Amino acid sequence: MTTAVRWMNPDAGFLAGPHTVDRLFEQLFGYGAARQENGTPTYALPIDILETDDAYQLYASVAGVPPDSVEVTFENGVLSLTVPAVPMELQGNLIRHERPWGNWSRKLELPKEVDPANIVAEFDNGVLTVRVPKAAKAMPQRIAIRTADKAIEG
């Protein structure tokens, strides 16, 4: 008789540990959750940020949310991402509930060297992508020094 051996990544247990602890805290206290008056929790929206030479790219997974419900704003150097809760319509008895339900929100203070007029947000297959272009860097200018009789070029 042969016994089936389940292949497992040797690091899987070590790498899963922090996620297990995070899930425990989420279940007990909510992941950054604050409750609104109506009892709906608001969670911190997880994001990835990528920096390129000319911009910052932000990525947030917002699966199941219509694009017109997502709000992206920029004010006083702070980029805000807000995703309201979308009620689930269940057809049957809920046996297991693991996905957090509620509002999602994130505020990020951006560096001063960004171009807020050209921030672009796109929504594709449940992923919100926000491109924040960097402002053009001021180049040093050489100033001509004048004397009483002529200008000295630098």
N, C-alpha and C. Protein backbone atom coordinates (compact mmCIF):
# COMPACT_ATOMS: atom_id res chain seq x y z
N MET A 1 0.85 -1.17 0.00
CA MET A 1 0.00 0.00 0.00
C MET A 1 0.89 1.23 0.00
N THR A 2 0.58 2.16 -0.88
CA THR A 2 1.37 3.39 -0.93
C THR A 2 0.60 4.51 -0.26
N THR A 3 1.34 5.38 0.35
CA THR A 3 0.74 6.52 1.02
C THR A 3 1.00 7.76 0.18
N ALA A 4 -0.02 8.51 -0.06
CA ALA A 4 0.14 9.75 -0.83
C ALA A 4 0.81 10.79 0.05
N VAL A 5 1.82 11.41 -0.49
CA VAL A 5 2.52 12.46 0.24
C VAL A 5 2.14 13.79 -0.39
N ARG A 6 1.71 14.69 0.44
CA ARG A 6 1.32 16.01 -0.05
C ARG A 6 2.56 16.87 -0.14
N TRP A 7 2.86 17.36 -1.34
CA TRP A 7 4.02 18.21 -1.52
C TRP A 7 3.73 19.57 -0.92
N MET A 8 4.69 20.10 -0.21
CA MET A 8 4.51 21.41 0.42
C MET A 8 5.82 22.17 0.30
N ASN A 9 5.71 23.43 0.06
CA ASN A 9 6.86 24.30 0.04
C ASN A 9 7.47 24.29 1.44
N PRO A 10 8.77 24.04 1.58
CA PRO A 10 9.36 23.98 2.92
C PRO A 10 9.22 25.26 3.73
N ASP A 11 9.08 26.39 3.05
CA ASP A 11 8.93 27.67 3.75
C ASP A 11 7.47 28.03 4.01
N ALA A 12 6.54 27.20 3.55
CA ALA A 12 5.12 27.56 3.62
C ALA A 12 4.67 27.83 5.04
N GLY A 13 5.03 27.01 5.99
CA GLY A 13 4.62 27.21 7.37
C GLY A 13 5.18 28.49 7.95
N PHE A 14 6.46 28.75 7.66
CA PHE A 14 7.11 29.95 8.16
C PHE A 14 6.47 31.21 7.56
N LEU A 15 6.20 31.17 6.25
CA LEU A 15 5.64 32.34 5.59
C LEU A 15 4.18 32.56 5.93
N ALA A 16 3.45 31.49 6.28
CA ALA A 16 2.03 31.62 6.60
C ALA A 16 1.81 32.13 8.01
N GLY A 17 2.80 32.01 8.87
CA GLY A 17 2.64 32.41 10.27
C GLY A 17 2.15 33.83 10.47
N PRO A 18 2.82 34.83 9.87
CA PRO A 18 2.35 36.21 10.05
C PRO A 18 0.93 36.42 9.54
N HIS A 19 0.58 35.75 8.43
CA HIS A 19 -0.77 35.90 7.89
C HIS A 19 -1.81 35.31 8.83
N THR A 20 -1.46 34.21 9.48
CA THR A 20 -2.38 33.59 10.43
C THR A 20 -2.61 34.51 11.62
N VAL A 21 -1.55 35.12 12.13
CA VAL A 21 -1.68 36.05 13.25
C VAL A 21 -2.50 37.27 12.83
N ASP A 22 -2.22 37.79 11.61
CA ASP A 22 -2.99 38.92 11.10
C ASP A 22 -4.48 38.59 11.04
N ARG A 23 -4.79 37.39 10.53
CA ARG A 23 -6.21 36.98 10.43
C ARG A 23 -6.85 36.88 11.81
N LEU A 24 -6.10 36.41 12.80
CA LEU A 24 -6.62 36.32 14.16
C LEU A 24 -6.97 37.70 14.68
N PHE A 25 -6.08 38.67 14.50
CA PHE A 25 -6.36 40.04 14.94
C PHE A 25 -7.53 40.64 14.17
N GLU A 26 -7.60 40.33 12.86
CA GLU A 26 -8.71 40.83 12.07
C GLU A 26 -10.04 40.32 12.61
N GLN A 27 -10.07 39.02 12.97
CA GLN A 27 -11.31 38.44 13.47
C GLN A 27 -11.68 39.02 14.83
N LEU A 28 -10.68 39.25 15.67
CA LEU A 28 -10.96 39.77 17.01
C LEU A 28 -11.27 41.26 17.00
N PHE A 29 -10.46 42.03 16.27
CA PHE A 29 -10.56 43.48 16.36
C PHE A 29 -10.93 44.15 15.05
N GLY A 30 -10.86 43.44 13.95
CA GLY A 30 -11.10 44.04 12.64
C GLY A 30 -9.81 44.65 12.14
N TYR A 31 -9.51 44.46 10.86
CA TYR A 31 -8.27 44.97 10.27
C TYR A 31 -8.39 46.46 10.10
N GLY A 32 -7.88 47.19 11.05
CA GLY A 32 -7.96 48.63 10.98
C GLY A 32 -9.40 49.10 10.94
N ALA A 33 -10.30 48.27 11.43
CA ALA A 33 -11.72 48.56 11.26
C ALA A 33 -12.22 49.55 12.30
N ALA A 34 -12.96 50.50 11.81
CA ALA A 34 -13.68 51.44 12.67
C ALA A 34 -15.14 51.27 12.29
N ARG A 35 -16.01 51.27 13.23
CA ARG A 35 -17.43 51.06 12.94
C ARG A 35 -18.14 52.40 12.78
N GLN A 36 -19.00 52.46 11.76
CA GLN A 36 -19.82 53.64 11.57
C GLN A 36 -21.07 53.49 12.42
N GLU A 37 -21.89 54.52 12.46
CA GLU A 37 -23.10 54.50 13.27
C GLU A 37 -24.02 53.35 12.91
N ASN A 38 -24.06 52.98 11.62
CA ASN A 38 -24.94 51.91 11.20
C ASN A 38 -24.33 50.52 11.42
N GLY A 39 -23.14 50.45 12.01
CA GLY A 39 -22.50 49.18 12.31
C GLY A 39 -21.60 48.65 11.20
N THR A 40 -21.54 49.34 10.06
CA THR A 40 -20.69 48.90 8.97
C THR A 40 -19.23 49.22 9.29
N PRO A 41 -18.35 48.22 9.25
CA PRO A 41 -16.94 48.50 9.54
C PRO A 41 -16.26 49.20 8.37
N THR A 42 -15.23 49.98 8.66
CA THR A 42 -14.39 50.59 7.64
C THR A 42 -12.98 50.07 7.86
N TYR A 43 -12.44 49.45 6.82
CA TYR A 43 -11.12 48.84 6.88
C TYR A 43 -10.09 49.70 6.16
N ALA A 44 -8.81 49.50 6.52
CA ALA A 44 -7.71 50.14 5.81
C ALA A 44 -7.52 49.39 4.50
N LEU A 45 -7.62 50.08 3.38
CA LEU A 45 -7.50 49.48 2.06
C LEU A 45 -6.04 49.10 1.81
N PRO A 46 -5.75 47.81 1.63
CA PRO A 46 -4.36 47.42 1.33
C PRO A 46 -3.97 47.90 -0.07
N ILE A 47 -2.76 48.42 -0.20
CA ILE A 47 -2.30 48.93 -1.48
C ILE A 47 -0.86 48.50 -1.72
N ASP A 48 -0.48 48.51 -2.97
CA ASP A 48 0.91 48.35 -3.39
C ASP A 48 1.31 49.67 -4.04
N ILE A 49 2.54 50.12 -3.79
CA ILE A 49 3.03 51.36 -4.40
C ILE A 49 4.34 51.05 -5.12
N LEU A 50 4.38 51.45 -6.37
CA LEU A 50 5.56 51.26 -7.20
C LEU A 50 6.07 52.64 -7.62
N GLU A 51 7.36 52.88 -7.47
CA GLU A 51 7.93 54.15 -7.90
C GLU A 51 8.73 53.94 -9.17
N THR A 52 8.46 54.77 -10.16
CA THR A 52 9.25 54.78 -11.39
C THR A 52 9.97 56.12 -11.46
N ASP A 53 10.72 56.33 -12.53
CA ASP A 53 11.46 57.58 -12.66
C ASP A 53 10.55 58.80 -12.73
N ASP A 54 9.35 58.61 -13.33
CA ASP A 54 8.50 59.77 -13.55
C ASP A 54 7.17 59.76 -12.80
N ALA A 55 6.89 58.69 -12.03
CA ALA A 55 5.58 58.64 -11.35
C ALA A 55 5.57 57.62 -10.23
N TYR A 56 4.51 57.69 -9.43
CA TYR A 56 4.20 56.67 -8.43
C TYR A 56 2.96 55.94 -8.94
N GLN A 57 2.96 54.61 -8.87
CA GLN A 57 1.82 53.81 -9.28
C GLN A 57 1.27 53.14 -8.03
N LEU A 58 -0.02 53.30 -7.77
CA LEU A 58 -0.67 52.68 -6.63
C LEU A 58 -1.66 51.64 -7.15
N TYR A 59 -1.69 50.48 -6.51
CA TYR A 59 -2.59 49.41 -6.90
C TYR A 59 -3.40 48.97 -5.69
N ALA A 60 -4.71 48.83 -5.87
CA ALA A 60 -5.59 48.35 -4.80
C ALA A 60 -6.61 47.39 -5.41
N SER A 61 -6.79 46.25 -4.78
CA SER A 61 -7.79 45.29 -5.23
C SER A 61 -9.14 45.66 -4.65
N VAL A 62 -10.11 45.88 -5.52
CA VAL A 62 -11.46 46.25 -5.09
C VAL A 62 -12.48 45.40 -5.86
N ALA A 63 -12.25 44.09 -5.85
CA ALA A 63 -13.10 43.17 -6.60
C ALA A 63 -14.55 43.25 -6.11
N GLY A 64 -15.46 43.17 -7.05
CA GLY A 64 -16.88 43.15 -6.72
C GLY A 64 -17.49 44.52 -6.49
N VAL A 65 -16.72 45.56 -6.67
CA VAL A 65 -17.23 46.92 -6.45
C VAL A 65 -17.34 47.60 -7.81
N PRO A 66 -18.50 48.20 -8.11
CA PRO A 66 -18.62 48.91 -9.39
C PRO A 66 -17.66 50.10 -9.45
N PRO A 67 -17.03 50.33 -10.60
CA PRO A 67 -16.06 51.43 -10.72
C PRO A 67 -16.62 52.79 -10.33
N ASP A 68 -17.91 53.03 -10.59
CA ASP A 68 -18.47 54.35 -10.26
C ASP A 68 -18.69 54.54 -8.76
N SER A 69 -18.50 53.49 -7.97
CA SER A 69 -18.62 53.62 -6.51
C SER A 69 -17.30 54.02 -5.85
N VAL A 70 -16.20 53.82 -6.55
CA VAL A 70 -14.87 54.10 -6.00
C VAL A 70 -14.59 55.60 -6.14
N GLU A 71 -14.06 56.20 -5.07
CA GLU A 71 -13.75 57.63 -5.09
C GLU A 71 -12.27 57.84 -4.83
N VAL A 72 -11.64 58.63 -5.70
CA VAL A 72 -10.23 58.99 -5.56
C VAL A 72 -10.16 60.51 -5.53
N THR A 73 -9.59 61.07 -4.45
CA THR A 73 -9.47 62.52 -4.34
C THR A 73 -8.06 62.90 -3.90
N PHE A 74 -7.67 64.12 -4.23
CA PHE A 74 -6.38 64.66 -3.81
C PHE A 74 -6.61 66.05 -3.26
N GLU A 75 -6.22 66.27 -2.00
CA GLU A 75 -6.41 67.57 -1.38
C GLU A 75 -5.32 67.80 -0.34
N ASN A 76 -4.70 68.96 -0.40
CA ASN A 76 -3.67 69.36 0.56
C ASN A 76 -2.56 68.32 0.71
N GLY A 77 -2.13 67.75 -0.42
CA GLY A 77 -1.04 66.79 -0.40
C GLY A 77 -1.43 65.38 0.02
N VAL A 78 -2.73 65.12 0.20
CA VAL A 78 -3.19 63.80 0.64
C VAL A 78 -4.06 63.16 -0.44
N LEU A 79 -3.68 61.96 -0.86
CA LEU A 79 -4.47 61.17 -1.80
C LEU A 79 -5.39 60.26 -0.99
N SER A 80 -6.70 60.32 -1.26
CA SER A 80 -7.68 59.51 -0.53
C SER A 80 -8.35 58.53 -1.49
N LEU A 81 -8.41 57.28 -1.07
CA LEU A 81 -9.11 56.24 -1.81
C LEU A 81 -10.25 55.75 -0.93
N THR A 82 -11.47 55.78 -1.44
CA THR A 82 -12.64 55.39 -0.66
C THR A 82 -13.47 54.40 -1.47
N VAL A 83 -13.76 53.25 -0.85
CA VAL A 83 -14.56 52.21 -1.49
C VAL A 83 -15.70 51.86 -0.53
N PRO A 84 -16.93 52.24 -0.87
CA PRO A 84 -18.06 51.97 0.04
C PRO A 84 -18.47 50.50 0.01
N ALA A 85 -19.07 50.07 1.09
CA ALA A 85 -19.56 48.70 1.18
C ALA A 85 -20.66 48.47 0.17
N VAL A 86 -20.62 47.32 -0.48
CA VAL A 86 -21.67 46.92 -1.41
C VAL A 86 -22.41 45.76 -0.76
N PRO A 87 -23.71 45.93 -0.47
CA PRO A 87 -24.46 44.86 0.20
C PRO A 87 -24.45 43.58 -0.63
N MET A 88 -24.28 42.46 0.07
CA MET A 88 -24.31 41.16 -0.59
C MET A 88 -25.74 40.65 -0.60
N GLU A 89 -26.15 40.15 -1.73
CA GLU A 89 -27.48 39.54 -1.82
C GLU A 89 -27.28 38.03 -1.78
N LEU A 90 -27.64 37.43 -0.66
CA LEU A 90 -27.42 36.00 -0.49
C LEU A 90 -28.67 35.22 -0.84
N GLN A 91 -28.48 34.14 -1.55
CA GLN A 91 -29.56 33.24 -1.92
C GLN A 91 -29.32 31.91 -1.20
N GLY A 92 -29.57 31.85 0.08
CA GLY A 92 -29.33 30.63 0.84
C GLY A 92 -28.72 30.95 2.19
N ASN A 93 -28.25 29.90 2.86
CA ASN A 93 -27.66 30.05 4.19
C ASN A 93 -26.16 30.23 4.08
N LEU A 94 -25.64 31.22 4.74
CA LEU A 94 -24.21 31.48 4.75
C LEU A 94 -23.56 30.47 5.68
N ILE A 95 -22.70 29.62 5.14
CA ILE A 95 -22.05 28.57 5.93
C ILE A 95 -20.69 29.04 6.44
N ARG A 96 -19.99 29.81 5.64
CA ARG A 96 -18.66 30.29 6.03
C ARG A 96 -18.52 31.72 5.54
N HIS A 97 -17.99 32.58 6.40
CA HIS A 97 -17.81 34.00 6.04
C HIS A 97 -16.37 34.39 6.36
N GLU A 98 -15.52 34.46 5.32
CA GLU A 98 -14.11 34.80 5.52
C GLU A 98 -13.73 36.14 4.90
N ARG A 99 -14.43 36.54 3.87
CA ARG A 99 -14.08 37.81 3.22
C ARG A 99 -14.64 38.96 4.04
N PRO A 100 -13.78 39.93 4.36
CA PRO A 100 -14.29 41.07 5.14
C PRO A 100 -15.28 41.88 4.31
N TRP A 101 -16.35 42.28 4.95
CA TRP A 101 -17.35 43.10 4.29
C TRP A 101 -17.41 44.44 5.01
N GLY A 102 -17.43 45.50 4.24
CA GLY A 102 -17.53 46.83 4.82
C GLY A 102 -16.95 47.85 3.88
N ASN A 103 -16.75 49.03 4.40
CA ASN A 103 -16.14 50.12 3.64
C ASN A 103 -14.62 49.96 3.69
N TRP A 104 -13.96 50.44 2.66
CA TRP A 104 -12.50 50.44 2.60
C TRP A 104 -12.05 51.87 2.35
N SER A 105 -10.99 52.29 3.04
CA SER A 105 -10.53 53.65 2.90
C SER A 105 -9.03 53.70 3.13
N ARG A 106 -8.36 54.61 2.43
CA ARG A 106 -6.93 54.80 2.65
C ARG A 106 -6.58 56.23 2.32
N LYS A 107 -5.78 56.86 3.17
CA LYS A 107 -5.28 58.22 2.94
C LYS A 107 -3.76 58.14 2.96
N LEU A 108 -3.16 58.72 1.92
CA LEU A 108 -1.71 58.70 1.78
C LEU A 108 -1.19 60.11 1.59
N GLU A 109 -0.25 60.51 2.42
CA GLU A 109 0.39 61.80 2.24
C GLU A 109 1.46 61.62 1.18
N LEU A 110 1.34 62.37 0.10
CA LEU A 110 2.27 62.23 -1.03
C LEU A 110 3.42 63.21 -0.90
N PRO A 111 4.54 62.89 -1.52
CA PRO A 111 5.66 63.85 -1.52
C PRO A 111 5.22 65.16 -2.18
N LYS A 112 5.88 66.23 -1.85
CA LYS A 112 5.52 67.54 -2.39
C LYS A 112 5.82 67.62 -3.89
N GLU A 113 6.73 66.79 -4.38
CA GLU A 113 7.16 66.86 -5.77
C GLU A 113 6.27 66.02 -6.69
N VAL A 114 4.95 66.17 -6.59
CA VAL A 114 4.04 65.48 -7.50
C VAL A 114 3.25 66.50 -8.31
N ASP A 115 2.67 66.01 -9.40
CA ASP A 115 1.88 66.87 -10.28
C ASP A 115 0.40 66.50 -10.10
N PRO A 116 -0.30 67.12 -9.16
CA PRO A 116 -1.68 66.71 -8.86
C PRO A 116 -2.65 66.91 -10.01
N ALA A 117 -2.37 67.83 -10.91
CA ALA A 117 -3.28 68.09 -12.03
C ALA A 117 -3.33 66.93 -13.01
N ASN A 118 -2.34 66.05 -12.98
CA ASN A 118 -2.28 64.95 -13.94
C ASN A 118 -2.41 63.57 -13.30
N ILE A 119 -2.97 63.50 -12.09
CA ILE A 119 -3.22 62.20 -11.47
C ILE A 119 -4.32 61.49 -12.26
N VAL A 120 -4.11 60.21 -12.55
CA VAL A 120 -5.06 59.42 -13.34
C VAL A 120 -5.40 58.15 -12.57
N ALA A 121 -6.71 57.83 -12.50
CA ALA A 121 -7.16 56.59 -11.86
C ALA A 121 -7.85 55.73 -12.91
N GLU A 122 -7.52 54.44 -12.91
CA GLU A 122 -8.12 53.49 -13.84
C GLU A 122 -8.63 52.29 -13.06
N PHE A 123 -9.62 51.64 -13.62
CA PHE A 123 -10.24 50.48 -12.97
C PHE A 123 -10.28 49.37 -14.01
N ASP A 124 -9.65 48.23 -13.71
CA ASP A 124 -9.65 47.13 -14.66
C ASP A 124 -9.67 45.80 -13.91
N ASN A 125 -10.68 45.00 -14.18
CA ASN A 125 -10.82 43.67 -13.58
C ASN A 125 -10.68 43.68 -12.06
N GLY A 126 -11.30 44.65 -11.41
CA GLY A 126 -11.30 44.70 -9.96
C GLY A 126 -10.05 45.28 -9.34
N VAL A 127 -9.15 45.83 -10.15
CA VAL A 127 -7.93 46.45 -9.63
C VAL A 127 -7.98 47.94 -9.95
N LEU A 128 -7.87 48.75 -8.90
CA LEU A 128 -7.80 50.20 -9.04
C LEU A 128 -6.33 50.57 -9.17
N THR A 129 -5.98 51.28 -10.24
CA THR A 129 -4.62 51.75 -10.45
C THR A 129 -4.65 53.27 -10.47
N VAL A 130 -3.83 53.88 -9.65
CA VAL A 130 -3.74 55.35 -9.61
C VAL A 130 -2.31 55.72 -9.97
N ARG A 131 -2.17 56.54 -11.00
CA ARG A 131 -0.85 57.02 -11.42
C ARG A 131 -0.70 58.46 -10.97
N VAL A 132 0.31 58.70 -10.15
CA VAL A 132 0.60 60.04 -9.64
C VAL A 132 1.94 60.48 -10.23
N PRO A 133 1.90 61.35 -11.25
CA PRO A 133 3.15 61.76 -11.88
C PRO A 133 3.97 62.67 -10.97
N LYS A 134 5.27 62.53 -11.09
CA LYS A 134 6.18 63.40 -10.35
C LYS A 134 6.26 64.74 -11.08
N ALA A 135 6.42 65.80 -10.33
CA ALA A 135 6.56 67.13 -10.93
C ALA A 135 7.95 67.24 -11.56
N ALA A 136 8.04 68.05 -12.59
CA ALA A 136 9.33 68.29 -13.22
C ALA A 136 10.25 68.94 -12.20
N LYS A 137 11.45 68.44 -12.12
CA LYS A 137 12.42 69.00 -11.18
C LYS A 137 12.94 70.34 -11.69
N ALA A 138 13.05 71.27 -10.77
CA ALA A 138 13.60 72.58 -11.13
C ALA A 138 15.09 72.42 -11.40
N MET A 139 15.50 72.88 -12.54
CA MET A 139 16.91 72.80 -12.91
C MET A 139 17.61 74.08 -12.47
N PRO A 140 18.82 73.96 -11.93
CA PRO A 140 19.53 75.17 -11.52
C PRO A 140 19.84 76.04 -12.75
N GLN A 141 19.71 77.32 -12.56
CA GLN A 141 20.00 78.26 -13.64
C GLN A 141 21.23 79.08 -13.26
N ARG A 142 22.07 79.25 -14.22
CA ARG A 142 23.25 80.09 -14.01
C ARG A 142 22.83 81.54 -14.22
N ILE A 143 23.14 82.39 -13.28
CA ILE A 143 22.77 83.80 -13.34
C ILE A 143 24.00 84.61 -13.76
N ALA A 144 23.80 85.43 -14.75
CA ALA A 144 24.89 86.30 -15.22
C ALA A 144 25.15 87.38 -14.17
N ILE A 145 26.41 87.62 -13.91
CA ILE A 145 26.80 88.65 -12.94
C ILE A 145 27.18 89.91 -13.72
N ARG A 146 26.56 91.00 -13.37
CA ARG A 146 26.81 92.25 -14.09
C ARG A 146 27.84 93.10 -13.32
N THR A 147 28.62 93.75 -14.09
CA THR A 147 29.51 94.74 -13.51
C THR A 147 29.07 96.08 -14.06
N ALA A 148 29.73 97.09 -13.66
CA ALA A 148 29.34 98.44 -14.10
C ALA A 148 29.45 98.59 -15.61
N ASP A 149 30.39 97.92 -16.27
CA ASP A 149 30.56 98.15 -17.70
C ASP A 149 30.07 97.01 -18.60
N LYS A 150 29.92 95.76 -18.09
CA LYS A 150 29.45 94.66 -18.94
C LYS A 150 28.95 93.49 -18.09
N ALA A 151 28.30 92.59 -18.78
CA ALA A 151 27.84 91.38 -18.10
C ALA A 151 28.87 90.29 -18.27
N ILE A 152 29.15 89.54 -17.19
CA ILE A 152 30.08 88.42 -17.25
C ILE A 152 29.26 87.16 -17.41
N GLU A 153 29.49 86.43 -18.48
CA GLU A 153 28.75 85.18 -18.71
C GLU A 153 29.37 84.07 -17.87
N GLY A 154 28.53 83.23 -17.31
CA GLY A 154 29.04 82.16 -16.45
C GLY A 154 29.21 80.89 -17.14
